[in-house]
Amino acid sequence: MPQRKIVEIPHHPKHRNPIPTCVMLGNLILPSVISGHDPKAPGVKNDAQKQSAQAFINMKEIVEAPGGTTDGIAKSSYT
């Protein structure tokens, strides 16, 4: 069975909970919750459109950190 590897993402917002933002299991990239938080623009938290746009930027950064691309995203869900 493949080993789980924690993916470090430079300059990316950290979770409040002690869980990794992303792990790799074999050749799978498995991100956890992806937020619309931007640490460089604290006012974004009050703007749903900016949060949505930032969430996609964060998703791209997370997937690309271990060498993936957004073309390989199989599923995403929003709540």
Protein backbone atom coordinates (compact mmCIF):
# COMPACT_ATOMS: atom_id res chain seq x y z
CA MET A 1 0.00 0.00 0.00
CA PRO A 2 1.37 3.48 -0.85
CA GLN A 3 2.53 5.74 1.95
CA ARG A 4 0.71 8.98 2.68
CA LYS A 5 2.90 12.04 2.09
CA ILE A 6 1.96 15.49 3.41
CA VAL A 7 2.25 18.19 0.75
CA GLU A 8 3.70 21.49 1.95
CA ILE A 9 2.26 24.52 0.14
CA PRO A 10 4.34 27.68 0.56
CA HIS A 11 2.50 30.91 1.42
CA HIS A 12 -0.83 29.10 1.63
CA PRO A 13 -3.35 29.71 4.43
CA LYS A 14 -3.17 27.01 7.11
CA HIS A 15 -6.17 25.14 8.49
CA ARG A 16 -7.45 26.01 11.92
CA ASN A 17 -7.55 22.28 12.68
CA PRO A 18 -4.39 20.17 12.89
CA ILE A 19 -4.91 18.48 9.52
CA PRO A 20 -2.79 18.84 6.39
CA THR A 21 -4.06 20.99 3.52
CA CYS A 22 -3.10 18.27 1.06
CA VAL A 23 -1.66 14.77 1.01
CA MET A 24 -0.48 12.45 -1.72
CA LEU A 25 -1.31 8.77 -1.67
CA GLY A 26 0.62 7.11 -4.45
CA ASN A 27 -0.10 9.24 -7.52
CA LEU A 28 -3.33 10.71 -6.08
CA ILE A 29 -3.43 14.31 -4.85
CA LEU A 30 -5.96 14.56 -2.02
CA PRO A 31 -6.64 18.10 -0.77
CA SER A 32 -8.78 18.71 2.28
CA VAL A 33 -11.05 21.74 2.64
CA ILE A 34 -10.12 24.55 0.24
CA SER A 35 -11.21 27.93 1.49
CA GLY A 36 -11.62 31.31 -0.14
CA HIS A 37 -9.35 32.90 2.47
CA ASP A 38 -6.58 35.16 1.19
CA PRO A 39 -4.06 36.09 3.89
CA LYS A 40 -2.89 39.08 1.81
CA ALA A 41 -6.40 40.56 1.57
CA PRO A 42 -8.32 40.18 4.85
CA GLY A 43 -11.35 42.07 3.45
CA VAL A 44 -12.12 39.18 1.11
CA LYS A 45 -13.87 37.33 3.93
CA ASN A 46 -16.82 39.73 3.58
CA ASP A 47 -17.21 39.39 -0.19
CA ALA A 48 -18.71 36.14 -1.55
CA GLN A 49 -17.56 36.79 -5.14
CA LYS A 50 -13.97 37.46 -4.08
CA GLN A 51 -14.03 34.40 -1.82
CA SER A 52 -15.20 32.21 -4.70
CA ALA A 53 -12.49 33.53 -7.01
CA GLN A 54 -9.85 33.07 -4.28
CA ALA A 55 -11.00 29.49 -3.63
CA PHE A 56 -10.20 28.61 -7.26
CA ILE A 57 -6.78 30.30 -6.95
CA ASN A 58 -6.13 28.33 -3.75
CA MET A 59 -7.28 25.09 -5.41
CA LYS A 60 -4.87 25.63 -8.32
CA GLU A 61 -1.96 26.32 -5.94
CA ILE A 62 -2.74 23.23 -3.87
CA VAL A 63 -3.00 20.91 -6.88
CA GLU A 64 0.12 22.30 -8.54
CA ALA A 65 2.31 22.12 -5.38
CA PRO A 66 2.90 18.35 -5.71
CA GLY A 67 3.13 18.52 -9.52
CA GLY A 68 -0.51 18.12 -10.59
CA THR A 69 -2.61 20.26 -12.91
CA THR A 70 -6.20 21.43 -12.79
CA ASP A 71 -6.85 19.22 -15.84
CA GLY A 72 -6.57 16.23 -13.50
CA ILE A 73 -9.31 17.30 -11.08
CA ALA A 74 -11.93 14.55 -11.03
CA LYS A 75 -14.44 16.00 -8.59
CA SER A 76 -15.10 19.06 -6.47
CA SER A 77 -18.04 19.89 -4.26
CA TYR A 78 -19.14 23.15 -2.68
CA THR A 79 -20.99 23.78 0.55
